[in-house]
Amino acid sequence: MTLPRYTVGIASTKEILPLRMSVLRDGTPSQDPRYAEDDHTGTVHLVVRDDNGVIVATSSWLPRPFPPEPDSPAVQLRGMAVDKSLQSRGVGAVLLTAGIERARTLNATNVWARARDSALVFYERNGMAVVGDAFIDDATGMSHHLVIKRLS
């Protein structure tokens, strides 16, 4: 048996929307996988592709201050989605690491996200800390928390 190889790269908004839709909007009230910032200058969509070139994971990264610290340069992670068949296999960690390294090159002091409570263990296992109280995300109707990784 040959295991697939994965490569990290950049993709367009159009390329990532099907995976976002199937993972992040499954069972939610929203059927729109787009974010207002998807095509803004500075937003980058990182992806993991399998050895056939198929996108199996995606995350979007944009320069945006961490709300409790508006004067600190930061990068927000949005739309982290890993194909359901590959979740809990390290693919998301590869993508998160690539995004954090990219944020370092931008001299960000923090990487942060609005994380679903169902994904908090993943973020904590990968060095991010939960900050503040839970809140309900309007698009999904699910409980979320802010998570942060301090880079300096």
Foldseek 3Di string as FASTA:
>chain_A
DDDWDKDKDWDAPVLCQVQLQVFVVVPFPANGSDDPCRPPPAKTKMFIATPVRRTFWIKIKHFADDVVCRVFTEIEIPSTGGHPVCPPPCRSLVRVVVRVVVRVVVVGQKYKYFAFPVCVVVQVVSAKAWDDDWDQDPGGRGITTMIMHGDD
